[in-house]
Amino acid sequence: MIYTTPLEASTADQWFIDSPELLQFVAIARGISLHTAEHADTLRTLEPYFSALLKTQGWLPSNFAQPNLDSNIGGGIGQWLLYRSQDRSLTIFSSVIPPGSSTPIYDHQSWGLVGLYKGKQEKTVYRRVDQGNIPGHAQLEVIGVQQLKAGDIYQLLPPDNDIHTVKTTTQFAPSISIHVLSNDMGCSWRDQYNLEAESVRSFRSGYANISCKS
C-alpha cells in the first residue's frame, strides 16, 4: 500500500509506510540537501538525525522487517522500499538479511547513509584493482572488514569504499539496516562482482514490495 500524505500530494513522492518519524526525517534530509553544496557536508550534517531515527524503535512496520524468499538478491534478503521522492534523488529502504546470509559483492553508485537498525553484521569492503578495460572482467582486493551493531552508521561516497558485501552475524534473527540514498538504488542498474571468477555483471536488486519499470 502507498500512503498519501500532504507532502506526497504536492510533490508526487511515494510513501510506503505511515510513520511520523520517517516523515520528519525526510523533511530534514531534503532541507539539508538544499542547503549544502558538497555531498560529504550533507552526510555529516544529516548523520545525527539518522542516528536518532535508528534509535527510535517501533516506526518500522513488522512486514517491512521480514526476509523475502523471492528476492532478486538471493539468500532470502528482503529489500523493502519505504520512501521514494518524485525525482528519485532520495530513496529510503530497509534491508533484511536472514541469519548466516550475505549479500553479493556489489557497488552502490550512490552517495548516502546506511545504518544498522537491528542485529549484527560483518561488512567486507573491496577495491577494484584492474583497469576495467575488459568487458565482464574485474579483479578485487579486500581493503577492510568491519563488525557492525545496532546504531552503527557508515557513509557511501563513491568511488571510495563503494564495493562491499554484508553478512548477518546474529545467530537467530535477521539483521535490519536502513538505507538513505541519493538514487533509486533498487531499480538502478549497477555492478555485481564474483570474486573467485574475477567477473562483473550488471544487475538490479529490486524491491520486495514494488516492481521496477523496465
Protein backbone atom coordinates (compact mmCIF):
# COMPACT_ATOMS: atom_id res chain seq x y z
CA MET A 1 0.00 0.00 0.00
CA ILE A 2 1.20 3.52 -0.79
CA TYR A 3 0.15 6.06 1.82
CA THR A 4 -0.95 9.54 0.80
CA THR A 5 0.37 12.49 2.78
CA PRO A 6 0.17 16.26 2.28
CA LEU A 7 3.80 16.14 1.15
CA GLU A 8 3.01 13.48 -1.45
CA ALA A 9 0.00 15.38 -2.72
CA SER A 10 2.21 18.35 -3.63
CA THR A 11 5.31 16.54 -4.89
CA ALA A 12 4.12 13.08 -6.02
CA ASP A 13 6.62 11.50 -3.66
CA GLN A 14 5.82 7.90 -2.73
CA TRP A 15 5.35 6.75 0.87
CA PHE A 16 5.02 3.04 1.59
CA ILE A 17 4.67 3.23 5.39
CA ASP A 18 2.70 5.56 7.63
CA SER A 19 5.34 6.87 10.02
CA PRO A 20 5.55 10.36 11.54
CA GLU A 21 9.19 9.66 12.42
CA LEU A 22 10.10 8.90 8.82
CA LEU A 23 8.07 11.86 7.56
CA GLN A 24 10.02 14.19 9.83
CA PHE A 25 13.36 12.66 8.84
CA VAL A 26 12.61 13.04 5.12
CA ALA A 27 11.73 16.71 5.63
CA ILE A 28 15.02 17.26 7.46
CA ALA A 29 17.02 15.36 4.82
CA ARG A 30 15.52 17.36 1.98
CA GLY A 31 16.16 20.63 3.78
CA ILE A 32 19.78 19.75 4.48
CA SER A 33 20.44 18.68 0.89
CA LEU A 34 19.11 22.01 -0.36
CA HIS A 35 21.49 23.99 1.83
CA THR A 36 24.72 22.01 1.47
CA ALA A 37 26.79 22.04 -1.71
CA GLU A 38 29.10 19.08 -1.02
CA HIS A 39 27.87 15.51 -0.56
CA ALA A 40 30.25 14.96 2.36
CA ASP A 41 28.81 18.00 4.14
CA THR A 42 25.27 16.76 3.51
CA LEU A 43 26.02 13.36 5.03
CA ARG A 44 27.90 14.80 8.01
CA THR A 45 25.03 17.18 8.81
CA LEU A 46 22.34 14.53 8.32
CA GLU A 47 24.03 11.77 10.30
CA PRO A 48 22.89 12.85 13.82
CA TYR A 49 19.26 12.92 12.66
CA PHE A 50 19.69 9.50 11.07
CA SER A 51 21.21 8.21 14.29
CA ALA A 52 18.15 9.40 16.19
CA LEU A 53 15.86 7.61 13.73
CA LEU A 54 17.79 4.35 14.15
CA LYS A 55 17.48 4.57 17.94
CA THR A 56 13.72 5.08 17.74
CA GLN A 57 12.05 1.67 17.85
CA GLY A 58 8.56 0.91 16.59
CA TRP A 59 8.37 3.15 13.49
CA LEU A 60 9.25 0.35 11.05
CA PRO A 61 6.23 -1.95 10.49
CA SER A 62 6.87 -5.67 11.03
CA ASN A 63 6.03 -6.57 7.42
CA PHE A 64 8.89 -4.30 6.28
CA ALA A 65 11.28 -6.14 8.60
CA GLN A 66 10.92 -9.61 7.05
CA PRO A 67 13.08 -11.68 4.71
CA ASN A 68 11.93 -12.22 1.13
CA LEU A 69 12.22 -15.70 -0.33
CA ASP A 70 11.66 -14.33 -3.84
CA SER A 71 14.48 -11.81 -3.57
CA ASN A 72 16.37 -10.77 -6.68
CA ILE A 73 19.44 -10.53 -4.46
CA GLY A 74 19.20 -14.12 -3.23
CA GLY A 75 19.67 -15.55 0.25
CA GLY A 76 16.14 -14.60 1.28
CA ILE A 77 17.20 -10.97 1.55
CA GLY A 78 14.28 -8.56 1.72
CA GLN A 79 14.75 -5.06 0.35
CA TRP A 80 11.64 -3.03 1.24
CA LEU A 81 11.03 0.43 -0.22
CA LEU A 82 9.85 2.88 2.45
CA TYR A 83 10.03 6.22 0.66
CA ARG A 84 10.93 7.45 -2.81
CA SER A 85 11.00 11.06 -3.98
CA GLN A 86 9.44 12.03 -7.29
CA ASP A 87 12.79 12.85 -8.88
CA ARG A 88 14.44 9.73 -7.34
CA SER A 89 17.06 11.90 -5.63
CA LEU A 90 16.16 10.47 -2.21
CA THR A 91 15.23 6.85 -1.55
CA ILE A 92 14.89 5.10 1.80
CA PHE A 93 14.53 1.35 2.18
CA SER A 94 15.05 -1.40 4.74
CA SER A 95 17.33 -4.34 4.01
CA VAL A 96 16.58 -7.56 5.90
CA ILE A 97 19.28 -10.25 5.81
CA PRO A 98 18.48 -13.64 7.40
CA PRO A 99 20.95 -15.23 9.86
CA GLY A 100 24.01 -16.59 8.07
CA SER A 101 23.06 -14.98 4.75
CA SER A 102 25.17 -12.41 2.96
CA THR A 103 24.65 -10.03 0.09
CA PRO A 104 26.51 -10.47 -3.18
CA ILE A 105 29.55 -8.27 -3.69
CA TYR A 106 28.17 -5.14 -5.35
CA ASP A 107 28.59 -1.43 -5.73
CA HIS A 108 26.02 1.28 -5.00
CA GLN A 109 26.79 4.13 -7.41
CA SER A 110 25.05 6.43 -4.95
CA TRP A 111 26.08 8.61 -2.04
CA GLY A 112 24.16 8.18 1.17
CA LEU A 113 24.00 6.71 4.67
CA VAL A 114 23.49 3.14 5.83
CA GLY A 115 22.66 2.37 9.45
CA LEU A 116 22.03 -0.85 11.34
CA TYR A 117 18.57 -0.85 12.94
CA LYS A 118 18.60 -4.34 14.49
CA GLY A 119 21.02 -7.25 14.75
CA LYS A 120 24.71 -7.51 13.91
CA GLN A 121 26.57 -7.57 10.60
CA GLU A 122 30.03 -8.04 9.14
CA LYS A 123 30.86 -5.74 6.25
CA THR A 124 33.74 -6.52 3.89
CA VAL A 125 34.88 -3.65 1.68
CA TYR A 126 36.68 -4.19 -1.62
CA ARG A 127 38.63 -2.14 -4.11
CA ARG A 128 38.80 -2.81 -7.82
CA VAL A 129 42.42 -3.27 -8.93
CA ASP A 130 42.07 -4.00 -12.66
CA GLN A 131 41.81 -1.30 -15.32
CA GLY A 132 38.20 -2.05 -16.21
CA ASN A 133 39.05 -2.35 -19.90
CA ILE A 134 37.98 -5.99 -20.39
CA PRO A 135 34.20 -6.44 -20.56
CA GLY A 136 32.89 -8.76 -17.86
CA HIS A 137 36.24 -8.95 -16.07
CA ALA A 138 37.06 -7.44 -12.69
CA GLN A 139 39.68 -8.05 -10.01
CA LEU A 140 39.06 -7.05 -6.41
CA GLU A 141 41.09 -6.89 -3.24
CA VAL A 142 39.83 -6.63 0.34
CA ILE A 143 40.60 -3.28 1.95
CA GLY A 144 38.71 -3.67 5.22
CA VAL A 145 36.39 -5.74 7.39
CA GLN A 146 34.08 -4.09 9.91
CA GLN A 147 31.84 -5.52 12.63
CA LEU A 148 28.57 -3.60 12.94
CA LYS A 149 26.00 -3.45 15.72
CA ALA A 150 22.64 -1.72 16.03
CA GLY A 151 23.07 2.06 15.79
CA ASP A 152 26.27 1.94 13.73
CA ILE A 153 26.30 4.12 10.60
CA TYR A 154 28.58 4.27 7.58
CA GLN A 155 28.72 6.67 4.67
CA LEU A 156 28.69 5.92 0.95
CA LEU A 157 30.70 8.37 -1.13
CA PRO A 158 31.64 6.71 -4.44
CA PRO A 159 34.09 5.83 -5.74
CA ASP A 160 35.70 5.32 -2.31
CA ASN A 161 34.57 2.22 -0.37
CA ASP A 162 31.63 1.69 -2.74
CA ILE A 163 32.08 -2.06 -3.28
CA HIS A 164 31.14 -4.33 -0.41
CA THR A 165 29.30 -7.38 0.86
CA VAL A 166 27.38 -7.60 4.14
CA LYS A 167 26.70 -10.72 6.22
CA THR A 168 24.36 -11.14 9.18
CA THR A 169 26.26 -12.42 12.19
CA THR A 170 23.28 -12.55 14.55
CA GLN A 171 22.57 -16.25 15.17
CA PHE A 172 18.80 -16.48 15.49
CA ALA A 173 17.35 -13.31 13.98
CA PRO A 174 17.84 -11.30 10.78
CA SER A 175 19.76 -8.06 10.68
CA ILE A 176 17.88 -4.98 9.53
CA SER A 177 19.61 -1.95 8.04
CA ILE A 178 18.12 1.31 6.81
CA HIS A 179 19.49 2.85 3.62
CA VAL A 180 19.20 6.56 2.78
CA LEU A 181 20.44 7.02 -0.77
CA SER A 182 20.62 9.66 -3.48
CA ASN A 183 19.29 7.41 -6.23
CA ASP A 184 16.62 4.77 -6.70
CA MET A 185 19.13 2.02 -5.98
CA GLY A 186 16.75 -0.93 -6.10
CA CYS A 187 15.63 -0.01 -9.61
CA SER A 188 19.00 1.23 -10.88
CA TRP A 189 21.44 -0.92 -12.84
CA ARG A 190 24.74 -1.38 -11.02
CA ASP A 191 27.57 -3.89 -10.79
CA GLN A 192 27.70 -7.26 -9.06
CA TYR A 193 31.08 -8.98 -8.70
CA ASN A 194 32.23 -12.59 -8.46
CA LEU A 195 35.49 -12.63 -6.54
CA GLU A 196 36.60 -16.16 -7.46
CA ALA A 197 35.68 -15.92 -11.14
CA GLU A 198 37.11 -12.39 -11.39
CA SER A 199 33.94 -11.33 -13.20
CA VAL A 200 31.42 -8.49 -13.09
CA ARG A 201 27.89 -8.16 -14.44
CA SER A 202 25.11 -5.61 -14.37
CA PHE A 203 22.19 -6.34 -12.08
CA ARG A 204 19.20 -4.69 -10.47
CA SER A 205 18.35 -5.71 -6.91
CA GLY A 206 14.73 -4.57 -6.98
CA TYR A 207 12.33 -4.17 -4.05
CA ALA A 208 10.15 -6.75 -2.34
CA ASN A 209 7.05 -4.56 -2.30
CA ILE A 210 7.08 -2.79 -5.67
CA SER A 211 8.16 -3.66 -9.21
CA CYS A 212 10.71 -1.65 -11.17
CA LYS A 213 9.65 -0.31 -14.53
CA SER A 214 11.82 -1.58 -17.37
